[in-house]
Amino acid sequence: MSSRHTDTPAAAAAKAGFSTTTAYRIEADPRLPSEKKEPRGRRRPDPLAGVWESEIVPLLAATPELRAIGVYDEMVRRHPELRSTRRTMERRIRQWKALNGPDQDVIFRQE
């Protein structure tokens, strides 16, 4: 958005390829992203901190086809205090599989 000094925010946004709302937000706060406040971290302690690296990751690494609900059932059997962490565990497992899981098959459709 280098043309913001000569054009209106709407014109500069159109040239840069993003929305007018974003242009006005940038104009209102001219600080660089590095000068802005850090986003807030976790609001409560991690309920899976004690078992994630020691038990869940080795399970996922050994059997990548294992589903999140299966891992959850096994962890609740071993640690009953984890009963209310199903969604947290599902999200964490989905993120782990996306980064560390097996590669997905790539299919190029023929026309």
Protein backbone atom coordinates (compact mmCIF):
# COMPACT_ATOMS: atom_id res chain seq x y z
CA MET A 1 0.00 0.00 0.00
CA SER A 2 2.77 2.43 -0.98
CA SER A 3 0.27 4.62 -2.84
CA ARG A 4 -1.53 5.46 0.39
CA HIS A 5 0.34 8.76 0.60
CA THR A 6 -1.03 10.01 -2.72
CA ASP A 7 -4.39 8.24 -3.08
CA THR A 8 -7.44 7.85 -0.89
CA PRO A 9 -7.49 4.76 1.35
CA ALA A 10 -10.13 3.17 -0.89
CA ALA A 11 -8.03 3.66 -4.05
CA ALA A 12 -4.83 2.51 -2.32
CA ALA A 13 -6.63 -0.61 -1.06
CA ALA A 14 -7.93 -1.38 -4.55
CA LYS A 15 -4.41 -1.08 -5.98
CA ALA A 16 -2.93 -3.23 -3.20
CA GLY A 17 -5.64 -5.87 -3.50
CA PHE A 18 -7.32 -5.81 -0.12
CA SER A 19 -10.50 -4.41 1.37
CA THR A 20 -11.31 -0.79 2.06
CA THR A 21 -11.95 -1.65 5.71
CA THR A 22 -8.38 -2.93 6.04
CA ALA A 23 -7.05 0.26 4.45
CA TYR A 24 -8.89 2.43 6.95
CA ARG A 25 -7.68 0.23 9.83
CA ILE A 26 -4.08 0.62 8.64
CA GLU A 27 -4.52 4.38 8.32
CA ALA A 28 -5.94 4.60 11.84
CA ASP A 29 -2.99 2.72 13.38
CA PRO A 30 0.23 3.50 11.46
CA ARG A 31 2.46 1.39 13.79
CA LEU A 32 4.39 -1.51 12.31
CA PRO A 33 3.27 -5.03 13.29
CA SER A 34 6.49 -5.45 15.31
CA GLU A 35 5.57 -2.42 17.41
CA LYS A 36 2.11 -3.70 18.31
CA LYS A 37 1.24 -5.56 21.49
CA GLU A 38 1.79 -9.31 21.61
CA PRO A 39 -1.38 -11.43 21.45
CA ARG A 40 -2.49 -12.86 24.76
CA GLY A 41 -1.51 -16.47 25.37
CA ARG A 42 -3.40 -19.24 27.15
CA ARG A 43 -6.06 -18.14 29.61
CA ARG A 44 -6.01 -21.31 31.68
CA PRO A 45 -3.49 -24.08 32.28
CA ASP A 46 -3.11 -26.68 29.55
CA PRO A 47 -5.19 -29.71 30.59
CA LEU A 48 -3.15 -32.04 28.38
CA ALA A 49 0.31 -30.84 29.43
CA GLY A 50 1.04 -33.89 31.54
CA VAL A 51 0.11 -36.52 28.96
CA TRP A 52 0.60 -34.93 25.53
CA GLU A 53 4.33 -35.52 24.94
CA SER A 54 4.65 -38.62 27.11
CA GLU A 55 1.57 -40.63 26.03
CA ILE A 56 -0.48 -39.11 23.20
CA VAL A 57 2.29 -38.23 20.73
CA PRO A 58 3.88 -41.72 20.91
CA LEU A 59 0.43 -43.26 20.28
CA LEU A 60 -0.10 -41.05 17.24
CA ALA A 61 3.42 -41.64 15.93
CA ALA A 62 3.09 -45.42 16.24
CA THR A 63 -0.37 -45.64 14.63
CA PRO A 64 -1.13 -42.59 12.46
CA GLU A 65 -4.51 -43.99 11.35
CA LEU A 66 -5.76 -43.84 14.96
CA ARG A 67 -8.77 -41.52 15.29
CA ALA A 68 -9.02 -38.77 17.91
CA ILE A 69 -11.97 -40.37 19.67
CA GLY A 70 -9.99 -43.59 20.12
CA VAL A 71 -7.09 -41.69 21.67
CA TYR A 72 -9.55 -39.80 23.89
CA ASP A 73 -11.21 -43.02 25.11
CA GLU A 74 -7.84 -44.55 25.95
CA MET A 75 -6.65 -41.44 27.80
CA VAL A 76 -9.88 -41.24 29.82
CA ARG A 77 -9.45 -44.90 30.72
CA ARG A 78 -5.90 -44.21 31.94
CA HIS A 79 -6.58 -40.74 33.40
CA PRO A 80 -10.23 -40.18 34.46
CA GLU A 81 -9.55 -36.48 35.23
CA LEU A 82 -9.29 -35.83 31.45
CA ARG A 83 -13.00 -36.57 30.91
CA SER A 84 -13.88 -32.94 29.96
CA THR A 85 -11.06 -32.43 27.43
CA ARG A 86 -12.49 -34.12 24.33
CA ARG A 87 -12.68 -31.06 22.05
CA THR A 88 -9.27 -29.82 23.20
CA MET A 89 -7.76 -33.20 22.43
CA GLU A 90 -9.50 -33.42 19.04
CA ARG A 91 -8.19 -29.99 18.02
CA ARG A 92 -4.68 -30.75 19.24
CA ILE A 93 -4.60 -34.11 17.43
CA ARG A 94 -5.89 -32.52 14.20
CA GLN A 95 -3.12 -29.90 14.39
CA TRP A 96 -0.49 -32.54 15.17
CA LYS A 97 -1.56 -34.73 12.26
CA ALA A 98 -1.49 -31.77 9.89
CA LEU A 99 2.11 -30.97 10.85
CA ASN A 100 3.59 -34.36 11.72
CA GLY A 101 1.21 -36.99 10.42
CA PRO A 102 1.47 -39.03 7.23
CA ASP A 103 1.51 -37.23 3.91
CA GLN A 104 -1.83 -36.90 2.16
CA ASP A 105 -2.30 -38.35 -1.31
CA VAL A 106 -2.26 -35.70 -4.02
CA ILE A 107 -4.72 -36.24 -6.85
CA PHE A 108 -4.65 -34.20 -10.04
CA ARG A 109 -8.00 -34.50 -11.80
CA GLN A 110 -7.85 -35.10 -15.55
CA GLU A 111 -10.22 -33.30 -17.84
